PDB file of N, CA and C in Angstrom:
ATOM      1  N   MET A   1       0.851  -1.169   0.000  1.00  0.00           N
ATOM      2  CA  MET A   1       0.000   0.000   0.000  1.00  0.00           C
ATOM      3  C   MET A   1       0.901   1.238   0.000  1.00  0.00           C
ATOM      4  N   ASN A   2       0.658   2.124  -0.930  1.00  0.00           N
ATOM      5  CA  ASN A   2       1.433   3.357  -0.977  1.00  0.00           C
ATOM      6  C   ASN A   2       0.685   4.476  -0.245  1.00  0.00           C
ATOM      7  N   ASN A   3       1.285   5.657  -0.200  1.00  0.00           N
ATOM      8  CA  ASN A   3       0.705   6.782   0.536  1.00  0.00           C
ATOM      9  C   ASN A   3      -0.674   7.166  -0.004  1.00  0.00           C
ATOM     10  N   LYS A   4      -0.829   7.193  -1.315  1.00  0.00           N
ATOM     11  CA  LYS A   4      -2.103   7.582  -1.920  1.00  0.00           C
ATOM     12  C   LYS A   4      -3.216   6.598  -1.534  1.00  0.00           C
ATOM     13  N   ASP A   5      -2.917   5.301  -1.573  1.00  0.00           N
ATOM     14  CA  ASP A   5      -3.891   4.284  -1.177  1.00  0.00           C
ATOM     15  C   ASP A   5      -4.242   4.406   0.301  1.00  0.00           C
ATOM     16  N   PHE A   6      -3.240   4.670   1.123  1.00  0.00           N
ATOM     17  CA  PHE A   6      -3.433   4.825   2.562  1.00  0.00           C
ATOM     18  C   PHE A   6      -4.358   5.999   2.859  1.00  0.00           C
ATOM     19  N   ILE A   7      -4.094   7.136   2.236  1.00  0.00           N
ATOM     20  CA  ILE A   7      -4.918   8.332   2.440  1.00  0.00           C
ATOM     21  C   ILE A   7      -6.350   8.075   1.959  1.00  0.00           C
ATOM     22  N   SER A   8      -6.511   7.409   0.827  1.00  0.00           N
ATOM     23  CA  SER A   8      -7.844   7.094   0.305  1.00  0.00           C
ATOM     24  C   SER A   8      -8.609   6.177   1.252  1.00  0.00           C
ATOM     25  N   ALA A   9      -7.927   5.205   1.823  1.00  0.00           N
ATOM     26  CA  ALA A   9      -8.577   4.277   2.752  1.00  0.00           C
ATOM     27  C   ALA A   9      -9.037   4.994   4.017  1.00  0.00           C
ATOM     28  N   ILE A  10      -8.209   5.868   4.545  1.00  0.00           N
ATOM     29  CA  ILE A  10      -8.597   6.622   5.748  1.00  0.00           C
ATOM     30  C   ILE A  10      -9.749   7.567   5.426  1.00  0.00           C
ATOM     31  N   ALA A  11      -9.678   8.232   4.279  1.00  0.00           N
ATOM     32  CA  ALA A  11     -10.749   9.156   3.882  1.00  0.00           C
ATOM     33  C   ALA A  11     -12.079   8.418   3.751  1.00  0.00           C
ATOM     34  N   ALA A  12     -12.058   7.217   3.183  1.00  0.00           N
ATOM     35  CA  ALA A  12     -13.287   6.437   3.024  1.00  0.00           C
ATOM     36  C   ALA A  12     -13.854   6.021   4.382  1.00  0.00           C
ATOM     37  N   ARG A  13     -12.986   5.657   5.323  1.00  0.00           N
ATOM     38  CA  ARG A  13     -13.436   5.230   6.648  1.00  0.00           C
ATOM     39  C   ARG A  13     -14.002   6.368   7.473  1.00  0.00           C
ATOM     40  N   THR A  14     -13.405   7.564   7.339  1.00  0.00           N
ATOM     41  CA  THR A  14     -13.816   8.689   8.181  1.00  0.00           C
ATOM     42  C   THR A  14     -14.847   9.586   7.532  1.00  0.00           C
ATOM     43  N   GLY A  15     -15.010   9.491   6.218  1.00  0.00           N
ATOM     44  CA  GLY A  15     -15.933  10.360   5.515  1.00  0.00           C
ATOM     45  C   GLY A  15     -15.357  11.738   5.231  1.00  0.00           C
ATOM     46  N   MET A  16     -14.064  11.909   5.493  1.00  0.00           N
ATOM     47  CA  MET A  16     -13.389  13.177   5.213  1.00  0.00           C
ATOM     48  C   MET A  16     -12.918  13.191   3.763  1.00  0.00           C
ATOM     49  N   THR A  17     -12.583  14.366   3.266  1.00  0.00           N
ATOM     50  CA  THR A  17     -12.035  14.452   1.915  1.00  0.00           C
ATOM     51  C   THR A  17     -10.592  13.966   1.934  1.00  0.00           C
ATOM     52  N   ALA A  18     -10.093  13.593   0.776  1.00  0.00           N
ATOM     53  CA  ALA A  18      -8.716  13.121   0.677  1.00  0.00           C
ATOM     54  C   ALA A  18      -7.734  14.230   1.045  1.00  0.00           C
ATOM     55  N   LYS A  19      -8.066  15.457   0.676  1.00  0.00           N
ATOM     56  CA  LYS A  19      -7.179  16.591   0.971  1.00  0.00           C
ATOM     57  C   LYS A  19      -7.090  16.834   2.485  1.00  0.00           C
ATOM     58  N   ALA A  20      -8.236  16.776   3.160  1.00  0.00           N
ATOM     59  CA  ALA A  20      -8.256  16.970   4.614  1.00  0.00           C
ATOM     60  C   ALA A  20      -7.531  15.821   5.319  1.00  0.00           C
ATOM     61  N   THR A  21      -7.708  14.613   4.799  1.00  0.00           N
ATOM     62  CA  THR A  21      -7.035  13.448   5.373  1.00  0.00           C
ATOM     63  C   THR A  21      -5.530  13.554   5.185  1.00  0.00           C
ATOM     64  N   GLN A  22      -5.094  14.048   4.034  1.00  0.00           N
ATOM     65  CA  GLN A  22      -3.659  14.233   3.781  1.00  0.00           C
ATOM     66  C   GLN A  22      -3.072  15.232   4.768  1.00  0.00           C
ATOM     67  N   LYS A  23      -3.797  16.331   5.018  1.00  0.00           N
ATOM     68  CA  LYS A  23      -3.330  17.329   5.985  1.00  0.00           C
ATOM     69  C   LYS A  23      -3.233  16.728   7.385  1.00  0.00           C
ATOM     70  N   MET A  24      -4.237  15.924   7.754  1.00  0.00           N
ATOM     71  CA  MET A  24      -4.246  15.301   9.067  1.00  0.00           C
ATOM     72  C   MET A  24      -3.064  14.332   9.212  1.00  0.00           C
ATOM     73  N   ALA A  25      -2.820  13.526   8.197  1.00  0.00           N
ATOM     74  CA  ALA A  25      -1.716  12.572   8.250  1.00  0.00           C
ATOM     75  C   ALA A  25      -0.371  13.301   8.314  1.00  0.00           C
ATOM     76  N   SER A  26      -0.231  14.375   7.560  1.00  0.00           N
ATOM     77  CA  SER A  26       1.008  15.160   7.589  1.00  0.00           C
ATOM     78  C   SER A  26       1.213  15.789   8.961  1.00  0.00           C
ATOM     79  N   ALA A  27       0.136  16.281   9.553  1.00  0.00           N
ATOM     80  CA  ALA A  27       0.222  16.878  10.891  1.00  0.00           C
ATOM     81  C   ALA A  27       0.609  15.825  11.924  1.00  0.00           C
ATOM     82  N   PHE A  28       0.059  14.624  11.787  1.00  0.00           N
ATOM     83  CA  PHE A  28       0.374  13.525  12.708  1.00  0.00           C
ATOM     84  C   PHE A  28       1.847  13.156  12.631  1.00  0.00           C
ATOM     85  N   VAL A  29       2.342  12.969  11.421  1.00  0.00           N
ATOM     86  CA  VAL A  29       3.747  12.600  11.233  1.00  0.00           C
ATOM     87  C   VAL A  29       4.666  13.734  11.708  1.00  0.00           C
ATOM     88  N   GLY A  30       4.278  14.966  11.413  1.00  0.00           N
ATOM     89  CA  GLY A  30       5.064  16.109  11.860  1.00  0.00           C
ATOM     90  C   GLY A  30       5.128  16.208  13.372  1.00  0.00           C
ATOM     91  N   SER A  31       4.009  15.931  14.037  1.00  0.00           N
ATOM     92  CA  SER A  31       3.966  15.959  15.499  1.00  0.00           C
ATOM     93  C   SER A  31       4.856  14.874  16.102  1.00  0.00           C
ATOM     94  N   ILE A  32       4.828  13.698  15.498  1.00  0.00           N
ATOM     95  CA  ILE A  32       5.695  12.610  15.977  1.00  0.00           C
ATOM     96  C   ILE A  32       7.160  13.008  15.825  1.00  0.00           C
ATOM     97  N   ALA A  33       7.526  13.532  14.674  1.00  0.00           N
ATOM     98  CA  ALA A  33       8.911  13.937  14.441  1.00  0.00           C
ATOM     99  C   ALA A  33       9.330  15.040  15.411  1.00  0.00           C
ATOM    100  N   GLU A  34       8.442  15.993  15.653  1.00  0.00           N
ATOM    101  CA  GLU A  34       8.726  17.090  16.583  1.00  0.00           C
ATOM    102  C   GLU A  34       8.929  16.563  17.992  1.00  0.00           C
ATOM    103  N   LYS A  35       8.061  15.669  18.421  1.00  0.00           N
ATOM    104  CA  LYS A  35       8.146  15.117  19.771  1.00  0.00           C
ATOM    105  C   LYS A  35       9.418  14.304  19.942  1.00  0.00           C
ATOM    106  N   LEU A  36       9.800  13.559  18.925  1.00  0.00           N
ATOM    107  CA  LEU A  36      11.010  12.750  19.032  1.00  0.00           C
ATOM    108  C   LEU A  36      12.263  13.616  19.037  1.00  0.00           C
ATOM    109  N   ASP A  37      12.183  14.831  18.492  1.00  0.00           N
ATOM    110  CA  ASP A  37      13.304  15.753  18.590  1.00  0.00           C
ATOM    111  C   ASP A  37      13.485  16.212  20.028  1.00  0.00           C
ATOM    112  N   ASP A  38      12.370  16.448  20.741  1.00  0.00           N
ATOM    113  CA  ASP A  38      12.421  16.935  22.116  1.00  0.00           C
ATOM    114  C   ASP A  38      12.808  15.826  23.102  1.00  0.00           C
ATOM    115  N   ASP A  39      12.153  14.710  23.011  1.00  0.00           N
ATOM    116  CA  ASP A  39      12.397  13.573  23.901  1.00  0.00           C
ATOM    117  C   ASP A  39      12.967  12.411  23.097  1.00  0.00           C
ATOM    118  N   THR A  40      13.163  11.302  23.758  1.00  0.00           N
ATOM    119  CA  THR A  40      13.680  10.148  23.040  1.00  0.00           C
ATOM    120  C   THR A  40      12.649   9.041  22.891  1.00  0.00           C
ATOM    121  N   GLN A  41      11.420   9.253  23.404  1.00  0.00           N
ATOM    122  CA  GLN A  41      10.419   8.202  23.330  1.00  0.00           C
ATOM    123  C   GLN A  41       9.019   8.803  23.226  1.00  0.00           C
ATOM    124  N   LEU A  42       8.167   8.158  22.421  1.00  0.00           N
ATOM    125  CA  LEU A  42       6.777   8.579  22.268  1.00  0.00           C
ATOM    126  C   LEU A  42       5.907   7.333  22.223  1.00  0.00           C
ATOM    127  N   ALA A  43       4.976   7.217  23.164  1.00  0.00           N
ATOM    128  CA  ALA A  43       4.081   6.061  23.230  1.00  0.00           C
ATOM    129  C   ALA A  43       2.705   6.456  22.732  1.00  0.00           C
ATOM    130  N   VAL A  44       2.179   5.699  21.775  1.00  0.00           N
ATOM    131  CA  VAL A  44       0.817   5.896  21.265  1.00  0.00           C
ATOM    132  C   VAL A  44       0.006   4.704  21.750  1.00  0.00           C
ATOM    133  N   GLN A  45      -0.943   4.967  22.650  1.00  0.00           N
ATOM    134  CA  GLN A  45      -1.705   3.906  23.280  1.00  0.00           C
ATOM    135  C   GLN A  45      -2.439   3.063  22.243  1.00  0.00           C
ATOM    136  N   GLY A  46      -2.298   1.753  22.363  1.00  0.00           N
ATOM    137  CA  GLY A  46      -2.958   0.827  21.454  1.00  0.00           C
ATOM    138  C   GLY A  46      -2.227   0.636  20.140  1.00  0.00           C
ATOM    139  N   PHE A  47      -1.140   1.378  19.920  1.00  0.00           N
ATOM    140  CA  PHE A  47      -0.385   1.265  18.665  1.00  0.00           C
ATOM    141  C   PHE A  47       1.039   0.809  18.930  1.00  0.00           C
ATOM    142  N   GLY A  48       1.785   1.584  19.719  1.00  0.00           N
ATOM    143  CA  GLY A  48       3.147   1.193  20.028  1.00  0.00           C
ATOM    144  C   GLY A  48       3.986   2.365  20.502  1.00  0.00           C
ATOM    145  N   THR A  49       5.286   2.134  20.583  1.00  0.00           N
ATOM    146  CA  THR A  49       6.222   3.124  21.090  1.00  0.00           C
ATOM    147  C   THR A  49       7.291   3.409  20.050  1.00  0.00           C
ATOM    148  N   PHE A  50       7.493   4.699  19.773  1.00  0.00           N
ATOM    149  CA  PHE A  50       8.577   5.153  18.909  1.00  0.00           C
ATOM    150  C   PHE A  50       9.703   5.618  19.821  1.00  0.00           C
ATOM    151  N   GLU A  51      10.930   5.239  19.484  1.00  0.00           N
ATOM    152  CA  GLU A  51      12.059   5.594  20.336  1.00  0.00           C
ATOM    153  C   GLU A  51      13.274   5.911  19.476  1.00  0.00           C
ATOM    154  N   VAL A  52      14.014   6.940  19.878  1.00  0.00           N
ATOM    155  CA  VAL A  52      15.258   7.283  19.208  1.00  0.00           C
ATOM    156  C   VAL A  52      16.379   6.586  19.970  1.00  0.00           C
ATOM    157  N   LYS A  53      17.146   5.769  19.255  1.00  0.00           N
ATOM    158  CA  LYS A  53      18.258   5.049  19.873  1.00  0.00           C
ATOM    159  C   LYS A  53      19.561   5.475  19.206  1.00  0.00           C
ATOM    160  N   LYS A  54      20.617   5.443  19.973  1.00  0.00           N
ATOM    161  CA  LYS A  54      21.931   5.798  19.441  1.00  0.00           C
ATOM    162  C   LYS A  54      22.693   4.515  19.128  1.00  0.00           C
ATOM    163  N   LYS A  55      23.109   4.383  17.895  1.00  0.00           N
ATOM    164  CA  LYS A  55      23.947   3.251  17.497  1.00  0.00           C
ATOM    165  C   LYS A  55      25.404   3.676  17.667  1.00  0.00           C
ATOM    166  N   MET A  56      26.165   2.851  18.304  1.00  0.00           N
ATOM    167  CA  MET A  56      27.567   3.167  18.563  1.00  0.00           C
ATOM    168  C   MET A  56      28.388   3.036  17.280  1.00  0.00           C
ATOM    169  N   GLU A  57      29.556   3.661  17.288  1.00  0.00           N
ATOM    170  CA  GLU A  57      30.419   3.522  16.118  1.00  0.00           C
ATOM    171  C   GLU A  57      30.924   2.086  16.037  1.00  0.00           C
ATOM    172  N   ARG A  58      31.217   1.646  14.832  1.00  0.00           N
ATOM    173  CA  ARG A  58      31.646   0.264  14.625  1.00  0.00           C
ATOM    174  C   ARG A  58      32.561   0.181  13.425  1.00  0.00           C
ATOM    175  N   VAL A  59      33.273  -0.922  13.367  1.00  0.00           N
ATOM    176  CA  VAL A  59      34.176  -1.173  12.253  1.00  0.00           C
ATOM    177  C   VAL A  59      33.558  -2.260  11.382  1.00  0.00           C
ATOM    178  N   VAL A  60      33.482  -2.009  10.087  1.00  0.00           N
ATOM    179  CA  VAL A  60      32.982  -3.001   9.143  1.00  0.00           C
ATOM    180  C   VAL A  60      34.103  -3.371   8.184  1.00  0.00           C
ATOM    181  N   VAL A  61      34.010  -4.567   7.640  1.00  0.00           N
ATOM    182  CA  VAL A  61      35.031  -5.046   6.715  1.00  0.00           C
ATOM    183  C   VAL A  61      34.370  -5.359   5.383  1.00  0.00           C
ATOM    184  N   ASN A  62      34.932  -4.801   4.306  1.00  0.00           N
ATOM    185  CA  ASN A  62      34.461  -5.092   2.957  1.00  0.00           C
ATOM    186  C   ASN A  62      34.962  -6.488   2.602  1.00  0.00           C
ATOM    187  N   PRO A  63      34.063  -7.451   2.358  1.00  0.00           N
ATOM    188  CA  PRO A  63      34.508  -8.824   2.093  1.00  0.00           C
ATOM    189  C   PRO A  63      35.267  -8.971   0.778  1.00  0.00           C
ATOM    190  N   ALA A  64      35.064  -8.066  -0.160  1.00  0.00           N
ATOM    191  CA  ALA A  64      35.731  -8.189  -1.462  1.00  0.00           C
ATOM    192  C   ALA A  64      37.224  -7.879  -1.370  1.00  0.00           C
ATOM    193  N   ASN A  65      37.573  -6.802  -0.648  1.00  0.00           N
ATOM    194  CA  ASN A  65      38.984  -6.408  -0.602  1.00  0.00           C
ATOM    195  C   ASN A  65      39.546  -6.374   0.814  1.00  0.00           C
ATOM    196  N   LYS A  66      38.800  -6.833   1.790  1.00  0.00           N
ATOM    197  CA  LYS A  66      39.207  -6.901   3.195  1.00  0.00           C
ATOM    198  C   LYS A  66      39.555  -5.540   3.789  1.00  0.00           C
ATOM    199  N   GLN A  67      39.064  -4.479   3.172  1.00  0.00           N
ATOM    200  CA  GLN A  67      39.331  -3.137   3.678  1.00  0.00           C
ATOM    201  C   GLN A  67      38.412  -2.849   4.863  1.00  0.00           C
ATOM    202  N   ARG A  68      38.994  -2.295   5.947  1.00  0.00           N
ATOM    203  CA  ARG A  68      38.232  -1.969   7.150  1.00  0.00           C
ATOM    204  C   ARG A  68      37.789  -0.513   7.074  1.00  0.00           C
ATOM    205  N   LYS A  69      36.580  -0.249   7.588  1.00  0.00           N
ATOM    206  CA  LYS A  69      36.040   1.098   7.533  1.00  0.00           C
ATOM    207  C   LYS A  69      35.321   1.394   8.852  1.00  0.00           C
ATOM    208  N   LEU A  70      35.505   2.594   9.393  1.00  0.00           N
ATOM    209  CA  LEU A  70      34.858   3.005  10.623  1.00  0.00           C
ATOM    210  C   LEU A  70      33.541   3.699  10.295  1.00  0.00           C
ATOM    211  N   ILE A  71      32.451   3.184  10.850  1.00  0.00           N
ATOM    212  CA  ILE A  71      31.130   3.782  10.676  1.00  0.00           C
ATOM    213  C   ILE A  71      30.872   4.639  11.915  1.00  0.00           C
ATOM    214  N   PRO A  72      30.601   5.937  11.742  1.00  0.00           N
ATOM    215  CA  PRO A  72      30.404   6.816  12.901  1.00  0.00           C
ATOM    216  C   PRO A  72      29.092   6.515  13.630  1.00  0.00           C
ATOM    217  N   PRO A  73      28.971   6.969  14.887  1.00  0.00           N
ATOM    218  CA  PRO A  73      27.707   6.757  15.612  1.00  0.00           C
ATOM    219  C   PRO A  73      26.576   7.552  14.962  1.00  0.00           C
ATOM    220  N   LYS A  74      25.348   7.044  15.121  1.00  0.00           N
ATOM    221  CA  LYS A  74      24.199   7.737  14.534  1.00  0.00           C
ATOM    222  C   LYS A  74      22.946   7.436  15.336  1.00  0.00           C
ATOM    223  N   LEU A  75      21.935   8.272  15.145  1.00  0.00           N
ATOM    224  CA  LEU A  75      20.650   8.083  15.781  1.00  0.00           C
ATOM    225  C   LEU A  75      19.716   7.368  14.817  1.00  0.00           C
ATOM    226  N   VAL A  76      18.981   6.375  15.322  1.00  0.00           N
ATOM    227  CA  VAL A  76      18.032   5.626  14.503  1.00  0.00           C
ATOM    228  C   VAL A  76      16.681   5.582  15.212  1.00  0.00           C
ATOM    229  N   LEU A  77      15.623   5.484  14.433  1.00  0.00           N
ATOM    230  CA  LEU A  77      14.281   5.398  14.975  1.00  0.00           C
ATOM    231  C   LEU A  77      13.888   3.931  15.108  1.00  0.00           C
ATOM    232  N   ALA A  78      13.397   3.575  16.292  1.00  0.00           N
ATOM    233  CA  ALA A  78      12.947   2.211  16.547  1.00  0.00           C
ATOM    234  C   ALA A  78      11.465   2.236  16.907  1.00  0.00           C
ATOM    235  N   PHE A  79      10.742   1.201  16.511  1.00  0.00           N
ATOM    236  CA  PHE A  79       9.317   1.084  16.825  1.00  0.00           C
ATOM    237  C   PHE A  79       9.064  -0.251  17.494  1.00  0.00           C
ATOM    238  N   LYS A  80       8.352  -0.210  18.612  1.00  0.00           N
ATOM    239  CA  LYS A  80       7.963  -1.430  19.305  1.00  0.00           C
ATOM    240  C   LYS A  80       6.442  -1.446  19.375  1.00  0.00           C
ATOM    241  N   PRO A  81       5.793  -2.401  18.701  1.00  0.00           N
ATOM    242  CA  PRO A  81       4.324  -2.437  18.697  1.00  0.00           C
ATOM    243  C   PRO A  81       3.777  -2.800  20.075  1.00  0.00           C
ATOM    244  N   SER A  82       2.571  -2.299  20.354  1.00  0.00           N
ATOM    245  CA  SER A  82       1.921  -2.601  21.632  1.00  0.00           C
ATOM    246  C   SER A  82       1.379  -4.024  21.609  1.00  0.00           C
ATOM    247  N   ALA A  83       1.027  -4.515  22.775  1.00  0.00           N
ATOM    248  CA  ALA A  83       0.457  -5.857  22.876  1.00  0.00           C
ATOM    249  C   ALA A  83      -0.875  -5.933  22.129  1.00  0.00           C
ATOM    250  N   VAL A  84      -1.647  -4.846  22.146  1.00  0.00           N
ATOM    251  CA  VAL A  84      -2.933  -4.808  21.437  1.00  0.00           C
ATOM    252  C   VAL A  84      -2.710  -4.961  19.934  1.00  0.00           C
ATOM    253  N   LEU A  85      -1.742  -4.245  19.395  1.00  0.00           N
ATOM    254  CA  LEU A  85      -1.451  -4.326  17.964  1.00  0.00           C
ATOM    255  C   LEU A  85      -0.915  -5.705  17.589  1.00  0.00           C
ATOM    256  N   LYS A  86      -0.064  -6.256  18.425  1.00  0.00           N
ATOM    257  CA  LYS A  86       0.463  -7.605  18.167  1.00  0.00           C
ATOM    258  C   LYS A  86      -0.662  -8.632  18.122  1.00  0.00           C
ATOM    259  N   GLU A  87      -1.625  -8.481  19.025  1.00  0.00           N
ATOM    260  CA  GLU A  87      -2.745  -9.414  19.090  1.00  0.00           C
ATOM    261  C   GLU A  87      -3.616  -9.291  17.846  1.00  0.00           C
ATOM    262  N   LYS A  88      -3.814  -8.067  17.356  1.00  0.00           N
ATOM    263  CA  LYS A  88      -4.622  -7.863  16.148  1.00  0.00           C
ATOM    264  C   LYS A  88      -3.940  -8.447  14.925  1.00  0.00           C
ATOM    265  N   MET A  89      -2.621  -8.512  14.909  1.00  0.00           N
ATOM    266  CA  MET A  89      -1.885  -9.013  13.757  1.00  0.00           C
ATOM    267  C   MET A  89      -1.882 -10.530  13.681  1.00  0.00           C
ATOM    268  N   LYS A  90      -2.230 -11.206  14.768  1.00  0.00           N
ATOM    269  CA  LYS A  90      -2.242 -12.676  14.778  1.00  0.00           C
ATOM    270  C   LYS A  90      -3.402 -13.226  14.012  1.00  0.00           C
TER     271      LYS A  90
END
């Protein structure tokens, strides 16, 4: 399912226009991104938890030429689904 299909499905379920649904989805994603900038964790009840984790620096080896390379530390987004969502997926 792509973004257009997702927006159409939500619009059909809520009775809102596709344009209004697109604005709502953009606002939702923007709010999540904003909150994760301020804190490191955001829990959405019944859906799951978004968390910013720091990956430590590491050394990787290119198997073709055995060259070693240092990968710097970085922040990554992790998602852990709630028990309710896990149960619905079964």
